[in-house]
């Protein structure tokens, strides 16, 4: 039984190490975390932010943009580890934004400060974006597309609008256990602004 206990302890230590936000895998590098579409402005900020946060969560580095991983003030080694991770997250941000946006945050010291600047610059201009999306819910036509493609295009608009409403109301736009189906609150918000025909189609396909 002793070898088993030792093995369990080693596995536990290894698991704790991987969950530490200061842990870096040997394969982690500046170009490793990339999102499909670079941030270019307010028009794609919400989708870019969502994609980047998903990628960052797989590396357990979300705390660096949320400000929840403090830099040690007493342990030099831990402070150096934090600096390395912070700079790595900054490099991931820089490689995922347009050249002009990257230059504008080049000399900002922490990933958290960069994230806050991007949020203030692009998320707060949601009024015009929301108006455009609301118009699209009425203007979208099938244009020879398959039903699947047509529905997918509409659903992208609905989900982005719903995430805006959820953020304003302080509600998570993605239910924690069933991310592929709407909760009642999300459906109620959708009903408030989606056309009746589109709303029925939404319920039928989700």
Protein backbone atom coordinates (compact mmCIF):
# COMPACT_ATOMS: atom_id res chain seq x y z
CA UNK A 1 0.00 0.00 0.00
CA UNK A 2 2.92 2.33 0.64
CA UNK A 3 3.92 2.61 -3.04
CA UNK A 4 0.30 3.42 -3.92
CA UNK A 5 0.20 6.18 -1.31
CA UNK A 6 3.42 7.62 -2.64
CA UNK A 7 2.11 7.48 -6.19
CA UNK A 8 -1.13 9.21 -5.18
CA UNK A 9 0.86 11.96 -3.48
CA UNK A 10 3.00 12.51 -6.56
CA UNK A 11 -0.09 12.68 -8.77
CA UNK A 12 -1.68 15.19 -6.41
CA UNK A 13 1.45 17.37 -6.43
CA UNK A 14 1.58 17.23 -10.23
CA UNK A 15 -2.09 18.21 -10.50
CA UNK A 16 -1.58 21.15 -8.14
CA UNK A 17 1.41 22.30 -10.18
CA UNK A 18 -0.54 22.30 -13.45
CA UNK A 19 -3.38 24.27 -11.84
CA UNK A 20 -1.03 26.98 -10.59
CA UNK A 21 -1.45 30.09 -12.81
CA UNK A 22 2.31 30.66 -12.55
CA UNK A 23 3.05 27.27 -14.10
CA UNK A 24 4.48 27.36 -17.61
CA UNK A 25 4.58 24.31 -19.85
CA UNK A 26 7.82 23.90 -21.83
CA UNK A 27 5.82 24.28 -25.05
CA UNK A 28 4.31 27.63 -24.01
CA UNK A 29 5.64 30.46 -26.11
CA UNK A 30 4.76 33.93 -27.45
CA UNK A 31 3.12 32.61 -30.61
CA UNK A 32 1.30 29.66 -29.08
CA UNK A 33 -2.04 31.26 -28.20
CA UNK A 34 -3.69 32.65 -31.30
CA UNK A 35 -7.29 33.45 -32.13
CA UNK A 36 -8.70 32.96 -35.59
CA UNK A 37 -9.58 36.62 -36.12
CA UNK A 38 -7.41 39.48 -34.87
CA UNK A 39 -8.98 42.36 -32.98
CA UNK A 40 -9.50 45.29 -35.33
CA UNK A 41 -12.00 47.46 -33.45
CA UNK A 42 -15.36 47.61 -31.72
CA UNK A 43 -17.07 45.74 -34.57
CA UNK A 44 -15.37 42.43 -33.67
CA UNK A 45 -14.32 43.12 -30.08
CA UNK A 46 -16.92 40.93 -28.36
CA UNK A 47 -16.30 37.84 -30.48
CA UNK A 48 -12.53 38.37 -30.26
CA UNK A 49 -12.67 38.77 -26.47
CA UNK A 50 -14.70 35.59 -26.08
CA UNK A 51 -12.30 33.59 -28.27
CA UNK A 52 -9.24 34.98 -26.47
CA UNK A 53 -10.66 34.26 -23.02
CA UNK A 54 -11.41 30.67 -24.02
CA UNK A 55 -7.83 30.21 -25.21
CA UNK A 56 -6.43 31.85 -22.10
CA UNK A 57 -8.54 29.66 -19.80
CA UNK A 58 -6.98 26.53 -21.29
CA UNK A 59 -3.64 27.87 -20.06
CA UNK A 60 -5.06 28.85 -16.63
CA UNK A 61 -3.97 32.43 -17.25
CA UNK A 62 -7.33 34.24 -17.07
CA UNK A 63 -6.32 35.72 -13.72
CA UNK A 64 -3.67 37.85 -15.41
CA UNK A 65 -6.25 39.83 -17.40
CA UNK A 66 -8.76 39.86 -14.54
CA UNK A 67 -6.28 41.11 -11.96
CA UNK A 68 -6.82 38.13 -9.64
CA UNK A 69 -3.24 36.83 -9.68
CA UNK A 70 -1.18 39.22 -7.53
CA UNK A 71 2.55 39.70 -7.94
CA UNK A 72 4.46 38.57 -4.85
CA UNK A 73 6.00 41.40 -2.85
CA UNK A 74 8.11 39.15 -0.62
CA UNK A 75 9.33 36.23 -2.73
CA UNK A 76 11.77 37.20 -5.50
CA UNK A 77 11.42 33.88 -7.33
CA UNK A 78 7.63 34.06 -7.36
CA UNK A 79 7.80 37.68 -8.52
CA UNK A 80 10.04 36.65 -11.42
CA UNK A 81 7.66 33.82 -12.31
CA UNK A 82 4.79 36.30 -12.30
CA UNK A 83 6.73 38.70 -14.56
CA UNK A 84 7.41 35.88 -17.02
CA UNK A 85 3.75 34.82 -17.13
CA UNK A 86 2.55 38.43 -17.38
CA UNK A 87 4.87 39.12 -20.31
CA UNK A 88 3.78 35.90 -21.99
CA UNK A 89 0.11 36.89 -21.74
CA UNK A 90 1.02 40.34 -23.10
CA UNK A 91 2.74 38.68 -26.06
CA UNK A 92 -0.38 36.60 -26.70
CA UNK A 93 -2.51 39.74 -26.68
CA UNK A 94 -0.10 41.56 -29.00
CA UNK A 95 -0.12 38.70 -31.50
CA UNK A 96 -3.94 38.63 -31.49
CA UNK A 97 -4.64 42.30 -32.26
CA UNK A 98 -4.08 44.47 -35.30
CA UNK A 99 -0.75 46.25 -35.70
CA UNK A 100 -2.19 49.67 -34.86
CA UNK A 101 -3.90 48.42 -31.69
CA UNK A 102 -0.73 46.59 -30.69
CA UNK A 103 1.33 49.76 -31.01
CA UNK A 104 -1.14 51.67 -28.84
CA UNK A 105 -0.61 49.31 -25.88
CA UNK A 106 3.03 48.44 -26.48
CA UNK A 107 4.34 50.23 -23.39
CA UNK A 108 1.57 49.30 -20.94
CA UNK A 109 3.12 47.37 -18.07
CA UNK A 110 0.69 44.56 -17.28
CA UNK A 111 -1.73 42.32 -19.14
CA UNK A 112 -4.48 43.48 -16.78
CA UNK A 113 -3.92 47.15 -17.66
CA UNK A 114 -3.91 46.34 -21.37
CA UNK A 115 -7.15 44.41 -20.99
CA UNK A 116 -8.79 47.29 -19.15
CA UNK A 117 -7.73 49.72 -21.88
CA UNK A 118 -9.14 47.49 -24.61
CA UNK A 119 -12.38 47.09 -22.66
CA UNK A 120 -12.80 50.84 -22.19
CA UNK A 121 -11.91 51.59 -25.79
CA UNK A 122 -14.03 49.01 -27.57
CA UNK A 123 -16.68 47.58 -25.23
CA UNK A 124 -18.13 50.96 -24.27
CA UNK A 125 -18.92 51.77 -27.89
CA UNK A 126 -21.59 49.06 -27.95
CA UNK A 127 -24.47 51.46 -28.61
CA UNK A 128 -23.88 51.72 -32.35
CA UNK A 129 -22.99 48.03 -32.56
CA UNK A 130 -26.19 47.05 -30.77
CA UNK A 131 -28.25 49.26 -33.08
CA UNK A 132 -26.63 47.61 -36.11
CA UNK A 133 -27.32 44.12 -34.76
CA UNK A 134 -30.93 44.99 -33.98
CA UNK A 135 -31.33 46.20 -37.56
CA UNK A 136 -29.82 42.95 -38.83
CA UNK A 137 -32.40 40.86 -36.97
CA UNK A 138 -35.04 42.48 -39.19
CA UNK A 139 -33.02 42.82 -42.39
CA UNK A 140 -31.47 39.34 -42.65
CA UNK A 141 -32.88 37.42 -45.61
CA UNK A 142 -32.06 33.93 -46.79
CA UNK A 143 -30.52 35.02 -50.14
CA UNK A 144 -30.35 31.50 -51.57
CA UNK A 145 -28.57 30.04 -48.55
CA UNK A 146 -29.41 26.66 -47.09
CA UNK A 147 -31.65 26.70 -44.02
CA UNK A 148 -28.67 25.67 -41.90
CA UNK A 149 -26.46 28.52 -43.11
CA UNK A 150 -29.31 31.02 -42.82
CA UNK A 151 -30.09 29.93 -39.27
CA UNK A 152 -26.41 30.01 -38.28
CA UNK A 153 -26.07 33.58 -39.52
CA UNK A 154 -29.15 34.68 -37.57
CA UNK A 155 -28.12 32.83 -34.44
CA UNK A 156 -24.74 34.62 -34.42
CA UNK A 157 -26.59 37.95 -34.34
CA UNK A 158 -28.99 36.78 -31.63
CA UNK A 159 -26.24 35.44 -29.39
CA UNK A 160 -24.14 38.60 -29.64
CA UNK A 161 -27.16 40.74 -28.79
CA UNK A 162 -28.06 38.44 -25.91
CA UNK A 163 -24.53 38.65 -24.52
CA UNK A 164 -24.76 42.46 -24.60
CA UNK A 165 -28.04 42.39 -22.69
CA UNK A 166 -26.66 39.85 -20.23
CA UNK A 167 -23.58 41.97 -19.55
CA UNK A 168 -25.75 45.02 -18.93
CA UNK A 169 -27.97 43.08 -16.51
CA UNK A 170 -25.07 41.31 -14.79
CA UNK A 171 -26.18 37.87 -16.00
CA UNK A 172 -23.83 35.28 -17.44
CA UNK A 173 -24.68 34.90 -21.15
CA UNK A 174 -23.60 31.23 -21.10
CA UNK A 175 -25.40 28.85 -18.71
CA UNK A 176 -22.69 26.96 -16.76
CA UNK A 177 -24.04 23.41 -17.22
CA UNK A 178 -25.88 23.55 -20.54
CA UNK A 179 -23.95 26.02 -22.74
CA UNK A 180 -25.63 24.73 -25.91
CA UNK A 181 -29.19 25.59 -24.83
CA UNK A 182 -30.70 28.92 -23.75
CA UNK A 183 -31.86 29.47 -20.19
CA UNK A 184 -35.27 31.01 -19.52
CA UNK A 185 -33.77 34.43 -18.75
CA UNK A 186 -31.86 34.43 -22.04
CA UNK A 187 -34.96 33.33 -23.94
CA UNK A 188 -37.03 36.07 -22.31
CA UNK A 189 -34.45 38.72 -23.28
CA UNK A 190 -34.35 37.34 -26.80
CA UNK A 191 -38.14 37.53 -27.04
CA UNK A 192 -38.00 41.23 -26.20
CA UNK A 193 -36.15 42.17 -29.37
CA UNK A 194 -36.23 39.26 -31.84
CA UNK A 195 -38.90 39.22 -34.56
CA UNK A 196 -41.69 36.75 -33.80
CA UNK A 197 -40.91 34.52 -36.76
CA UNK A 198 -37.21 34.42 -35.95
CA UNK A 199 -37.97 33.72 -32.30
CA UNK A 200 -40.06 30.68 -33.22
CA UNK A 201 -37.26 29.45 -35.47
CA UNK A 202 -34.79 29.97 -32.62
CA UNK A 203 -36.87 27.78 -30.27
CA UNK A 204 -37.30 25.13 -32.92
CA UNK A 205 -33.62 24.67 -33.70
CA UNK A 206 -32.02 25.12 -30.22
